[in-house]
Amino acid sequence: QVQLVESGGGLVQPGGSLRLYCAASISIFTFDAMAWYRQAPGKEREYVAIISSGSSIYYRDSVKGRFTISRDNGKNTVYLQMNSLRPEDTAVYYCEANYHGMDYWGKGTLVTVSS
């Protein structure tokens, strides 16, 4: 059973930074891909960044140049470094993993960008 646990969310002022963590219960080396999604109040969930097993990386346009996704296979953890945060980045951020054709999700961590 794959379990994903996110952490690192919180309240930050506009222009600030946060680093999100997604810890997996099994080796992430075996995952086909891992991703970060977010869901703002009243909006649909949207993808933020994805990193494949071959370390190909993709970002949604609105976070390019500000967010960085990375992985540490030894720690079974995927990170999302978020810089220059904006109020519109406020959302619950979810970690997702694709493993043997199945999608697994964490419970999310709340990021609030506000002065």
N, C-alpha and C. Protein backbone atom coordinates (compact mmCIF):
# COMPACT_ATOMS: atom_id res chain seq x y z
N GLN A 1 0.84 -1.19 0.00
CA GLN A 1 0.00 0.00 0.00
C GLN A 1 0.88 1.24 0.00
N VAL A 2 0.63 2.12 -0.96
CA VAL A 2 1.40 3.34 -1.05
C VAL A 2 0.73 4.43 -0.21
N GLN A 3 1.50 5.04 0.66
CA GLN A 3 1.02 6.17 1.45
C GLN A 3 1.91 7.37 1.20
N LEU A 4 1.29 8.52 1.05
CA LEU A 4 2.00 9.78 0.83
C LEU A 4 1.60 10.76 1.91
N VAL A 5 2.58 11.41 2.51
CA VAL A 5 2.31 12.37 3.58
C VAL A 5 2.99 13.69 3.25
N GLU A 6 2.17 14.72 3.10
CA GLU A 6 2.70 16.05 2.82
C GLU A 6 2.93 16.83 4.11
N SER A 7 3.89 17.75 4.05
CA SER A 7 4.14 18.65 5.16
C SER A 7 4.82 19.90 4.63
N GLY A 8 4.94 20.91 5.49
CA GLY A 8 5.66 22.12 5.11
C GLY A 8 4.78 23.32 4.80
N GLY A 9 3.47 23.11 4.78
CA GLY A 9 2.57 24.22 4.49
C GLY A 9 2.51 25.20 5.66
N GLY A 10 1.86 26.33 5.41
CA GLY A 10 1.72 27.33 6.46
C GLY A 10 1.31 28.67 5.90
N LEU A 11 1.41 29.68 6.76
CA LEU A 11 1.08 31.06 6.38
C LEU A 11 2.36 31.80 6.04
N VAL A 12 2.37 32.46 4.90
CA VAL A 12 3.55 33.21 4.45
C VAL A 12 3.09 34.50 3.79
N GLN A 13 3.91 35.53 3.91
CA GLN A 13 3.57 36.81 3.28
C GLN A 13 3.87 36.77 1.78
N PRO A 14 3.19 37.58 1.01
CA PRO A 14 3.51 37.67 -0.43
C PRO A 14 5.00 37.96 -0.63
N GLY A 15 5.59 37.25 -1.59
CA GLY A 15 7.02 37.38 -1.85
C GLY A 15 7.87 36.41 -1.05
N GLY A 16 7.27 35.73 -0.11
CA GLY A 16 8.00 34.79 0.73
C GLY A 16 8.19 33.42 0.08
N SER A 17 8.76 32.51 0.86
CA SER A 17 9.08 31.17 0.37
C SER A 17 8.60 30.10 1.34
N LEU A 18 8.31 28.94 0.78
CA LEU A 18 8.00 27.75 1.56
C LEU A 18 8.56 26.55 0.82
N ARG A 19 8.86 25.50 1.59
CA ARG A 19 9.28 24.25 0.98
C ARG A 19 8.33 23.15 1.45
N LEU A 20 7.70 22.49 0.50
CA LEU A 20 6.80 21.40 0.80
C LEU A 20 7.53 20.08 0.67
N TYR A 21 7.10 19.13 1.48
CA TYR A 21 7.69 17.80 1.50
C TYR A 21 6.60 16.75 1.27
N CYS A 22 6.95 15.72 0.53
CA CYS A 22 6.05 14.59 0.34
C CYS A 22 6.85 13.32 0.61
N ALA A 23 6.53 12.69 1.73
CA ALA A 23 7.22 11.47 2.13
C ALA A 23 6.40 10.25 1.73
N ALA A 24 7.04 9.31 1.05
CA ALA A 24 6.36 8.10 0.59
C ALA A 24 6.69 6.91 1.49
N SER A 25 5.75 5.97 1.55
CA SER A 25 5.92 4.80 2.42
C SER A 25 6.76 3.72 1.78
N ILE A 26 6.99 3.84 0.46
CA ILE A 26 7.83 2.87 -0.24
C ILE A 26 8.83 3.63 -1.10
N SER A 27 9.73 2.91 -1.71
CA SER A 27 10.77 3.55 -2.51
C SER A 27 10.18 4.31 -3.69
N ILE A 28 10.48 5.61 -3.77
CA ILE A 28 9.96 6.40 -4.89
C ILE A 28 10.72 6.11 -6.18
N PHE A 29 11.80 5.39 -6.06
CA PHE A 29 12.56 5.01 -7.26
C PHE A 29 11.70 4.17 -8.19
N THR A 30 10.71 3.46 -7.62
CA THR A 30 9.85 2.59 -8.41
C THR A 30 8.64 3.30 -9.01
N PHE A 31 8.42 4.57 -8.63
CA PHE A 31 7.26 5.30 -9.14
C PHE A 31 7.51 5.75 -10.58
N ASP A 32 6.47 5.69 -11.40
CA ASP A 32 6.59 6.18 -12.76
C ASP A 32 6.73 7.69 -12.79
N ALA A 33 6.01 8.37 -11.91
CA ALA A 33 6.09 9.83 -11.83
C ALA A 33 5.51 10.27 -10.50
N MET A 34 5.92 11.44 -10.08
CA MET A 34 5.33 12.08 -8.90
C MET A 34 5.02 13.52 -9.25
N ALA A 35 4.01 14.05 -8.60
CA ALA A 35 3.56 15.40 -8.95
C ALA A 35 3.00 16.12 -7.74
N TRP A 36 2.95 17.43 -7.86
CA TRP A 36 2.26 18.28 -6.92
C TRP A 36 1.06 18.90 -7.62
N TYR A 37 -0.07 18.84 -6.94
CA TYR A 37 -1.29 19.49 -7.41
C TYR A 37 -1.72 20.47 -6.31
N ARG A 38 -2.66 21.34 -6.67
CA ARG A 38 -3.21 22.24 -5.67
C ARG A 38 -4.69 22.49 -5.96
N GLN A 39 -5.40 22.83 -4.91
CA GLN A 39 -6.81 23.14 -5.05
C GLN A 39 -7.14 24.35 -4.18
N ALA A 40 -7.49 25.44 -4.83
CA ALA A 40 -7.87 26.66 -4.13
C ALA A 40 -9.36 26.59 -3.78
N PRO A 41 -9.80 27.34 -2.79
CA PRO A 41 -11.21 27.33 -2.41
C PRO A 41 -12.12 27.65 -3.59
N GLY A 42 -13.10 26.80 -3.83
CA GLY A 42 -14.06 27.03 -4.89
C GLY A 42 -13.56 26.73 -6.29
N LYS A 43 -12.36 26.17 -6.39
CA LYS A 43 -11.79 25.89 -7.70
C LYS A 43 -11.46 24.40 -7.84
N GLU A 44 -11.23 23.97 -9.08
CA GLU A 44 -10.86 22.59 -9.32
C GLU A 44 -9.38 22.38 -9.02
N ARG A 45 -9.06 21.12 -8.74
CA ARG A 45 -7.66 20.77 -8.51
C ARG A 45 -6.89 20.94 -9.81
N GLU A 46 -5.67 21.48 -9.72
CA GLU A 46 -4.85 21.70 -10.90
C GLU A 46 -3.43 21.21 -10.64
N TYR A 47 -2.79 20.78 -11.71
CA TYR A 47 -1.43 20.29 -11.53
C TYR A 47 -0.50 21.49 -11.43
N VAL A 48 0.53 21.33 -10.63
CA VAL A 48 1.52 22.37 -10.41
C VAL A 48 2.85 21.99 -11.03
N ALA A 49 3.32 20.79 -10.73
CA ALA A 49 4.62 20.35 -11.23
C ALA A 49 4.66 18.83 -11.21
N ILE A 50 5.42 18.27 -12.15
CA ILE A 50 5.55 16.83 -12.23
C ILE A 50 7.01 16.48 -12.50
N ILE A 51 7.45 15.39 -11.88
CA ILE A 51 8.79 14.87 -12.13
C ILE A 51 8.68 13.39 -12.42
N SER A 52 9.23 12.97 -13.55
CA SER A 52 9.11 11.57 -13.95
C SER A 52 10.24 10.74 -13.33
N SER A 53 10.15 9.42 -13.53
CA SER A 53 11.20 8.54 -13.02
C SER A 53 12.53 8.83 -13.70
N GLY A 54 12.47 9.36 -14.93
CA GLY A 54 13.69 9.73 -15.64
C GLY A 54 14.10 11.17 -15.36
N SER A 55 13.40 11.79 -14.38
CA SER A 55 13.68 13.16 -13.94
C SER A 55 13.35 14.22 -14.97
N SER A 56 12.46 13.90 -15.91
CA SER A 56 11.87 14.97 -16.74
C SER A 56 10.94 15.77 -15.85
N ILE A 57 10.95 17.08 -16.05
CA ILE A 57 10.20 17.98 -15.16
C ILE A 57 9.32 18.92 -15.99
N TYR A 58 8.12 19.12 -15.50
CA TYR A 58 7.18 20.03 -16.15
C TYR A 58 6.50 20.89 -15.09
N TYR A 59 6.22 22.14 -15.44
CA TYR A 59 5.53 23.07 -14.55
C TYR A 59 4.37 23.72 -15.28
N ARG A 60 3.33 24.07 -14.51
CA ARG A 60 2.30 24.90 -15.10
C ARG A 60 2.88 26.30 -15.29
N ASP A 61 2.37 27.01 -16.27
CA ASP A 61 2.98 28.28 -16.66
C ASP A 61 3.06 29.27 -15.50
N SER A 62 2.04 29.32 -14.67
CA SER A 62 1.97 30.35 -13.64
C SER A 62 3.01 30.19 -12.54
N VAL A 63 3.68 29.03 -12.47
CA VAL A 63 4.68 28.83 -11.42
C VAL A 63 6.10 28.71 -11.97
N LYS A 64 6.24 28.72 -13.29
CA LYS A 64 7.57 28.61 -13.89
C LYS A 64 8.47 29.75 -13.42
N GLY A 65 9.69 29.39 -13.05
CA GLY A 65 10.63 30.38 -12.58
C GLY A 65 10.50 30.70 -11.10
N ARG A 66 9.42 30.21 -10.46
CA ARG A 66 9.22 30.47 -9.03
C ARG A 66 9.25 29.20 -8.21
N PHE A 67 8.74 28.10 -8.76
CA PHE A 67 8.66 26.82 -8.05
C PHE A 67 9.68 25.84 -8.64
N THR A 68 10.19 24.96 -7.77
CA THR A 68 11.12 23.93 -8.20
C THR A 68 10.73 22.61 -7.57
N ILE A 69 10.51 21.59 -8.40
CA ILE A 69 10.23 20.25 -7.89
C ILE A 69 11.53 19.44 -7.95
N SER A 70 11.74 18.62 -6.92
CA SER A 70 12.93 17.78 -6.90
C SER A 70 12.61 16.53 -6.10
N ARG A 71 13.49 15.54 -6.20
CA ARG A 71 13.26 14.28 -5.50
C ARG A 71 14.56 13.78 -4.90
N ASP A 72 14.43 13.10 -3.78
CA ASP A 72 15.56 12.44 -3.13
C ASP A 72 15.18 10.98 -2.97
N ASN A 73 15.67 10.13 -3.87
CA ASN A 73 15.29 8.72 -3.83
C ASN A 73 15.73 8.05 -2.53
N GLY A 74 16.86 8.48 -2.00
CA GLY A 74 17.36 7.88 -0.76
C GLY A 74 16.46 8.15 0.44
N LYS A 75 15.77 9.29 0.40
CA LYS A 75 14.87 9.66 1.51
C LYS A 75 13.41 9.40 1.17
N ASN A 76 13.16 8.86 -0.02
CA ASN A 76 11.78 8.60 -0.47
C ASN A 76 10.91 9.85 -0.34
N THR A 77 11.46 10.97 -0.75
CA THR A 77 10.79 12.26 -0.57
C THR A 77 10.87 13.09 -1.85
N VAL A 78 9.77 13.75 -2.13
CA VAL A 78 9.72 14.73 -3.20
C VAL A 78 9.46 16.09 -2.58
N TYR A 79 10.11 17.10 -3.13
CA TYR A 79 10.03 18.44 -2.58
C TYR A 79 9.40 19.40 -3.59
N LEU A 80 8.82 20.46 -3.06
CA LEU A 80 8.38 21.57 -3.90
C LEU A 80 8.86 22.86 -3.23
N GLN A 81 9.90 23.44 -3.80
CA GLN A 81 10.40 24.73 -3.30
C GLN A 81 9.61 25.84 -3.98
N MET A 82 8.98 26.67 -3.17
CA MET A 82 8.12 27.73 -3.70
C MET A 82 8.68 29.08 -3.27
N ASN A 83 9.07 29.88 -4.25
CA ASN A 83 9.60 31.22 -4.00
C ASN A 83 8.68 32.26 -4.61
N SER A 84 8.87 33.49 -4.19
CA SER A 84 8.08 34.62 -4.72
C SER A 84 6.59 34.30 -4.70
N LEU A 85 6.13 33.83 -3.57
CA LEU A 85 4.74 33.40 -3.45
C LEU A 85 3.78 34.57 -3.60
N ARG A 86 2.64 34.27 -4.20
CA ARG A 86 1.60 35.26 -4.46
C ARG A 86 0.31 34.83 -3.77
N PRO A 87 -0.57 35.77 -3.50
CA PRO A 87 -1.86 35.38 -2.88
C PRO A 87 -2.60 34.33 -3.69
N GLU A 88 -2.47 34.36 -5.00
CA GLU A 88 -3.16 33.37 -5.83
C GLU A 88 -2.56 31.97 -5.75
N ASP A 89 -1.45 31.83 -5.05
CA ASP A 89 -0.88 30.50 -4.79
C ASP A 89 -1.54 29.83 -3.58
N THR A 90 -2.40 30.56 -2.89
CA THR A 90 -3.09 29.99 -1.73
C THR A 90 -3.95 28.81 -2.15
N ALA A 91 -3.72 27.66 -1.51
CA ALA A 91 -4.43 26.44 -1.86
C ALA A 91 -4.00 25.32 -0.92
N VAL A 92 -4.73 24.22 -1.00
CA VAL A 92 -4.24 22.97 -0.40
C VAL A 92 -3.40 22.29 -1.46
N TYR A 93 -2.18 21.93 -1.09
CA TYR A 93 -1.25 21.30 -2.02
C TYR A 93 -1.21 19.80 -1.74
N TYR A 94 -1.37 19.03 -2.82
CA TYR A 94 -1.42 17.58 -2.72
C TYR A 94 -0.25 16.95 -3.47
N CYS A 95 0.25 15.88 -2.92
CA CYS A 95 1.26 15.06 -3.57
C CYS A 95 0.57 13.89 -4.26
N GLU A 96 1.02 13.55 -5.45
CA GLU A 96 0.44 12.44 -6.21
C GLU A 96 1.56 11.58 -6.76
N ALA A 97 1.33 10.27 -6.75
CA ALA A 97 2.30 9.34 -7.31
C ALA A 97 1.59 8.37 -8.23
N ASN A 98 2.23 8.07 -9.33
CA ASN A 98 1.72 7.07 -10.26
C ASN A 98 2.59 5.84 -10.14
N TYR A 99 1.96 4.73 -9.77
CA TYR A 99 2.71 3.51 -9.47
C TYR A 99 1.97 2.33 -10.04
N HIS A 100 2.59 1.67 -10.99
CA HIS A 100 1.98 0.49 -11.64
C HIS A 100 0.58 0.83 -12.17
N GLY A 101 0.46 2.01 -12.77
CA GLY A 101 -0.79 2.41 -13.40
C GLY A 101 -1.84 2.96 -12.47
N MET A 102 -1.54 3.03 -11.18
CA MET A 102 -2.50 3.54 -10.20
C MET A 102 -2.03 4.91 -9.69
N ASP A 103 -2.99 5.77 -9.40
CA ASP A 103 -2.68 7.07 -8.82
C ASP A 103 -2.93 7.03 -7.31
N TYR A 104 -1.97 7.55 -6.56
CA TYR A 104 -2.08 7.62 -5.11
C TYR A 104 -1.94 9.07 -4.69
N TRP A 105 -2.70 9.46 -3.66
CA TRP A 105 -2.73 10.86 -3.22
C TRP A 105 -2.49 10.96 -1.72
N GLY A 106 -1.84 12.05 -1.34
CA GLY A 106 -1.76 12.39 0.07
C GLY A 106 -2.98 13.18 0.47
N LYS A 107 -3.04 13.58 1.76
CA LYS A 107 -4.19 14.30 2.27
C LYS A 107 -4.06 15.81 2.11
N GLY A 108 -2.89 16.27 1.74
CA GLY A 108 -2.71 17.68 1.45
C GLY A 108 -2.14 18.49 2.59
N THR A 109 -1.55 19.62 2.23
CA THR A 109 -1.05 20.58 3.20
C THR A 109 -1.44 21.97 2.73
N LEU A 110 -1.93 22.78 3.66
CA LEU A 110 -2.47 24.10 3.32
C LEU A 110 -1.39 25.15 3.24
N VAL A 111 -1.39 25.88 2.14
CA VAL A 111 -0.50 27.03 1.96
C VAL A 111 -1.36 28.28 1.84
N THR A 112 -1.10 29.24 2.71
CA THR A 112 -1.84 30.50 2.69
C THR A 112 -0.85 31.64 2.49
N VAL A 113 -1.06 32.40 1.43
CA VAL A 113 -0.20 33.55 1.14
C VAL A 113 -1.01 34.82 1.39
N SER A 114 -0.65 35.52 2.44
CA SER A 114 -1.43 36.69 2.84
C SER A 114 -0.60 37.61 3.71
N SER A 115 -0.87 38.89 3.60
CA SER A 115 -0.20 39.87 4.45
C SER A 115 -1.04 40.15 5.70
